[in-house]
Amino acid sequence: MYGFNNMLGIILDKNYLNRLSDEEKGIIKVYIKICEAVIEKNIIVLEKEIPNIKIKNILNESKLKSEWIEDIKKENIKYYGIELLNTKITINKNIAEVKSKNKIRAKIFNYRGSFIKTSYMNFIKENEKLKINDFCI
């Protein structure tokens, strides 16, 4: 989903995607897939795609993956939409990063609002496959 439907989902300028190389498109697709899974509360995708790492949440708290997912399950933190305002992809040999200034619509412990936050996802390439090794949303 690349547009808001009633303020839900992911917003990303489609023209931005057209300017990316195939390798950059592959990286941003993983980032978007995880963001969509967070919004949709798709625990299966989050469990499968994110390794057992610490994740920084919207409050900048560093949580174990299991704790972070538990917060999403219990809707202690509920994401409604993410607008990617300024996104940059950096690739350096076997390391890649997506860094994005985002407008995030969320509910955090019963407070609902919009938050501007810089999120990132770092990758390591192993056996020609990207592996997430650091994540902040």
C-alpha atoms as a PDB file:
ATOM      1  CA  MET A   1       0.000   0.000   0.000  1.00  0.00           C
ATOM      2  CA  TYR A   2       1.715   3.199  -1.162  1.00  0.00           C
ATOM      3  CA  GLY A   3      -0.895   5.776  -0.261  1.00  0.00           C
ATOM      4  CA  PHE A   4      -2.993   6.633   2.742  1.00  0.00           C
ATOM      5  CA  ASN A   5      -6.484   5.178   2.879  1.00  0.00           C
ATOM      6  CA  ASN A   6      -8.279   7.138   5.577  1.00  0.00           C
ATOM      7  CA  MET A   7      -4.923   8.108   7.124  1.00  0.00           C
ATOM      8  CA  LEU A   8      -3.680   4.513   7.254  1.00  0.00           C
ATOM      9  CA  GLY A   9      -0.701   2.913   5.588  1.00  0.00           C
ATOM     10  CA  ILE A  10       2.531   4.073   3.999  1.00  0.00           C
ATOM     11  CA  ILE A  11       3.056   7.248   1.993  1.00  0.00           C
ATOM     12  CA  LEU A  12       6.053   7.276  -0.321  1.00  0.00           C
ATOM     13  CA  ASP A  13       6.516   9.424  -3.403  1.00  0.00           C
ATOM     14  CA  LYS A  14       6.282   7.005  -6.348  1.00  0.00           C
ATOM     15  CA  ASN A  15       8.629   9.259  -8.336  1.00  0.00           C
ATOM     16  CA  TYR A  16      11.248   8.556  -5.669  1.00  0.00           C
ATOM     17  CA  LEU A  17      10.995   4.828  -6.395  1.00  0.00           C
ATOM     18  CA  ASN A  18      11.502   5.438 -10.113  1.00  0.00           C
ATOM     19  CA  ARG A  19      14.849   7.129  -9.434  1.00  0.00           C
ATOM     20  CA  LEU A  20      16.286   4.186  -7.491  1.00  0.00           C
ATOM     21  CA  SER A  21      18.607   1.484  -8.776  1.00  0.00           C
ATOM     22  CA  ASP A  22      17.388  -2.120  -8.624  1.00  0.00           C
ATOM     23  CA  GLU A  23      19.562  -2.741  -5.559  1.00  0.00           C
ATOM     24  CA  GLU A  24      18.148   0.345  -3.798  1.00  0.00           C
ATOM     25  CA  LYS A  25      14.593  -0.725  -4.697  1.00  0.00           C
ATOM     26  CA  GLY A  26      15.242  -4.110  -3.080  1.00  0.00           C
ATOM     27  CA  ILE A  27      16.399  -2.391   0.109  1.00  0.00           C
ATOM     28  CA  ILE A  28      13.491   0.069   0.306  1.00  0.00           C
ATOM     29  CA  LYS A  29      11.011  -2.770  -0.347  1.00  0.00           C
ATOM     30  CA  VAL A  30      12.252  -4.584   2.764  1.00  0.00           C
ATOM     31  CA  TYR A  31      11.938  -1.366   4.788  1.00  0.00           C
ATOM     32  CA  ILE A  32       8.401  -0.761   3.507  1.00  0.00           C
ATOM     33  CA  LYS A  33       7.433  -4.401   4.115  1.00  0.00           C
ATOM     34  CA  ILE A  34       8.441  -4.090   7.774  1.00  0.00           C
ATOM     35  CA  CYS A  35       6.695  -0.715   8.143  1.00  0.00           C
ATOM     36  CA  GLU A  36       3.516  -2.163   6.637  1.00  0.00           C
ATOM     37  CA  ALA A  37       3.723  -5.180   8.955  1.00  0.00           C
ATOM     38  CA  VAL A  38       4.035  -2.832  11.948  1.00  0.00           C
ATOM     39  CA  ILE A  39       0.959  -0.860  10.841  1.00  0.00           C
ATOM     40  CA  GLU A  40      -1.054  -3.994  10.049  1.00  0.00           C
ATOM     41  CA  LYS A  41       0.131  -5.720  13.242  1.00  0.00           C
ATOM     42  CA  ASN A  42       1.334  -8.620  11.087  1.00  0.00           C
ATOM     43  CA  ILE A  43       3.302 -10.478  13.733  1.00  0.00           C
ATOM     44  CA  ILE A  44       4.123 -13.372  11.384  1.00  0.00           C
ATOM     45  CA  VAL A  45       6.031 -11.068   9.013  1.00  0.00           C
ATOM     46  CA  LEU A  46       7.773  -9.260  11.888  1.00  0.00           C
ATOM     47  CA  GLU A  47       8.864 -12.560  13.462  1.00  0.00           C
ATOM     48  CA  LYS A  48      10.109 -13.918  10.128  1.00  0.00           C
ATOM     49  CA  GLU A  49      11.839 -10.857   8.675  1.00  0.00           C
ATOM     50  CA  ILE A  50      13.488  -9.324  11.740  1.00  0.00           C
ATOM     51  CA  PRO A  51      16.275 -11.286  13.416  1.00  0.00           C
ATOM     52  CA  ASN A  52      16.635 -11.399  17.207  1.00  0.00           C
ATOM     53  CA  ILE A  53      18.086  -7.929  17.638  1.00  0.00           C
ATOM     54  CA  LYS A  54      17.339  -4.947  19.835  1.00  0.00           C
ATOM     55  CA  ILE A  55      14.950  -2.493  18.208  1.00  0.00           C
ATOM     56  CA  LYS A  56      14.482   1.164  19.067  1.00  0.00           C
ATOM     57  CA  ASN A  57      10.811   2.058  19.214  1.00  0.00           C
ATOM     58  CA  ILE A  58       9.099   5.403  18.592  1.00  0.00           C
ATOM     59  CA  LEU A  59      10.062   6.491  22.135  1.00  0.00           C
ATOM     60  CA  ASN A  60      13.730   5.681  21.383  1.00  0.00           C
ATOM     61  CA  GLU A  61      13.615   2.859  23.918  1.00  0.00           C
ATOM     62  CA  SER A  62      15.860  -0.064  23.039  1.00  0.00           C
ATOM     63  CA  LYS A  63      13.841  -3.262  23.337  1.00  0.00           C
ATOM     64  CA  LEU A  64      14.446  -6.908  22.628  1.00  0.00           C
ATOM     65  CA  LYS A  65      12.574  -8.006  19.514  1.00  0.00           C
ATOM     66  CA  SER A  66      10.217 -10.103  21.655  1.00  0.00           C
ATOM     67  CA  GLU A  67       9.421  -7.126  23.940  1.00  0.00           C
ATOM     68  CA  TRP A  68       8.899  -4.815  20.963  1.00  0.00           C
ATOM     69  CA  ILE A  69       6.541  -7.297  19.300  1.00  0.00           C
ATOM     70  CA  GLU A  70       4.677  -7.744  22.592  1.00  0.00           C
ATOM     71  CA  ASP A  71       4.099  -3.960  22.728  1.00  0.00           C
ATOM     72  CA  ILE A  72       2.642  -4.132  19.213  1.00  0.00           C
ATOM     73  CA  LYS A  73       0.452  -7.159  20.069  1.00  0.00           C
ATOM     74  CA  LYS A  74      -0.917  -5.454  23.183  1.00  0.00           C
ATOM     75  CA  GLU A  75      -1.239  -2.159  21.273  1.00  0.00           C
ATOM     76  CA  ASN A  76       0.848  -0.326  23.871  1.00  0.00           C
ATOM     77  CA  ILE A  77       2.266   1.231  20.721  1.00  0.00           C
ATOM     78  CA  LYS A  78      -0.091   1.187  17.735  1.00  0.00           C
ATOM     79  CA  TYR A  79       1.033   2.514  14.364  1.00  0.00           C
ATOM     80  CA  TYR A  80      -1.633   3.868  11.978  1.00  0.00           C
ATOM     81  CA  GLY A  81       0.439   5.391   9.216  1.00  0.00           C
ATOM     82  CA  ILE A  82       3.965   6.296   8.193  1.00  0.00           C
ATOM     83  CA  GLU A  83       4.764   9.046   5.710  1.00  0.00           C
ATOM     84  CA  LEU A  84       8.329   8.864   4.439  1.00  0.00           C
ATOM     85  CA  LEU A  85       9.259  12.549   4.152  1.00  0.00           C
ATOM     86  CA  ASN A  86      12.950  12.364   3.335  1.00  0.00           C
ATOM     87  CA  THR A  87      14.450   8.965   2.615  1.00  0.00           C
ATOM     88  CA  LYS A  88      18.073   8.185   1.846  1.00  0.00           C
ATOM     89  CA  ILE A  89      19.596   4.830   0.948  1.00  0.00           C
ATOM     90  CA  THR A  90      23.323   4.285   1.380  1.00  0.00           C
ATOM     91  CA  ILE A  91      25.141   1.215   0.068  1.00  0.00           C
ATOM     92  CA  ASN A  92      28.784   0.501   0.860  1.00  0.00           C
ATOM     93  CA  LYS A  93      29.964  -2.938  -0.268  1.00  0.00           C
ATOM     94  CA  ASN A  94      28.155  -5.430   2.022  1.00  0.00           C
ATOM     95  CA  ILE A  95      26.483  -2.817   4.219  1.00  0.00           C
ATOM     96  CA  ALA A  96      23.344  -0.818   3.434  1.00  0.00           C
ATOM     97  CA  GLU A  97      21.173   1.651   5.308  1.00  0.00           C
ATOM     98  CA  VAL A  98      17.769   3.216   4.843  1.00  0.00           C
ATOM     99  CA  LYS A  99      17.424   6.427   6.824  1.00  0.00           C
ATOM    100  CA  SER A 100      14.122   8.249   6.667  1.00  0.00           C
ATOM    101  CA  LYS A 101      12.592  11.260   8.329  1.00  0.00           C
ATOM    102  CA  ASN A 102       9.027  10.083   8.873  1.00  0.00           C
ATOM    103  CA  LYS A 103       5.716  11.465   9.988  1.00  0.00           C
ATOM    104  CA  ILE A 104       4.279   8.651  12.060  1.00  0.00           C
ATOM    105  CA  ARG A 105       0.647   8.467  13.135  1.00  0.00           C
ATOM    106  CA  ALA A 106       0.491   6.354  16.247  1.00  0.00           C
ATOM    107  CA  LYS A 107      -1.007   5.706  19.649  1.00  0.00           C
ATOM    108  CA  ILE A 108       1.470   5.421  22.484  1.00  0.00           C
ATOM    109  CA  PHE A 109      -0.011   4.273  25.790  1.00  0.00           C
ATOM    110  CA  ASN A 110      -3.399   5.920  25.073  1.00  0.00           C
ATOM    111  CA  TYR A 111      -1.945   9.127  23.570  1.00  0.00           C
ATOM    112  CA  ARG A 112      -2.724   9.357  19.867  1.00  0.00           C
ATOM    113  CA  GLY A 113      -0.979  11.823  17.589  1.00  0.00           C
ATOM    114  CA  SER A 114       1.508  12.493  14.824  1.00  0.00           C
ATOM    115  CA  PHE A 115       5.206  12.368  15.494  1.00  0.00           C
ATOM    116  CA  ILE A 116       8.202  13.378  13.374  1.00  0.00           C
ATOM    117  CA  LYS A 117      10.951  10.798  13.813  1.00  0.00           C
ATOM    118  CA  THR A 118      14.054   9.730  11.980  1.00  0.00           C
ATOM    119  CA  SER A 119      13.863   5.985  11.493  1.00  0.00           C
ATOM    120  CA  TYR A 120      16.500   3.688  10.072  1.00  0.00           C
ATOM    121  CA  MET A 121      17.144   0.132   9.050  1.00  0.00           C
ATOM    122  CA  ASN A 122      20.667  -1.208   8.628  1.00  0.00           C
ATOM    123  CA  PHE A 123      21.510  -4.293   6.605  1.00  0.00           C
ATOM    124  CA  ILE A 124      24.433  -6.649   6.152  1.00  0.00           C
ATOM    125  CA  LYS A 125      24.672  -8.646   2.948  1.00  0.00           C
ATOM    126  CA  GLU A 126      25.383 -12.329   3.609  1.00  0.00           C
ATOM    127  CA  ASN A 127      25.452 -14.869   0.780  1.00  0.00           C
ATOM    128  CA  GLU A 128      23.915 -12.269  -1.582  1.00  0.00           C
ATOM    129  CA  LYS A 129      20.940 -11.824   0.793  1.00  0.00           C
ATOM    130  CA  LEU A 130      20.200  -8.742   2.862  1.00  0.00           C
ATOM    131  CA  LYS A 131      19.905  -9.307   6.601  1.00  0.00           C
ATOM    132  CA  ILE A 132      18.561  -6.640   8.967  1.00  0.00           C
ATOM    133  CA  ASN A 133      21.074  -5.974  11.726  1.00  0.00           C
ATOM    134  CA  ASP A 134      19.751  -2.745  13.291  1.00  0.00           C
ATOM    135  CA  PHE A 135      16.334  -1.101  13.243  1.00  0.00           C
ATOM    136  CA  CYS A 136      14.646   1.968  14.691  1.00  0.00           C
ATOM    137  CA  ILE A 137      11.029   2.933  14.033  1.00  0.00           C
END
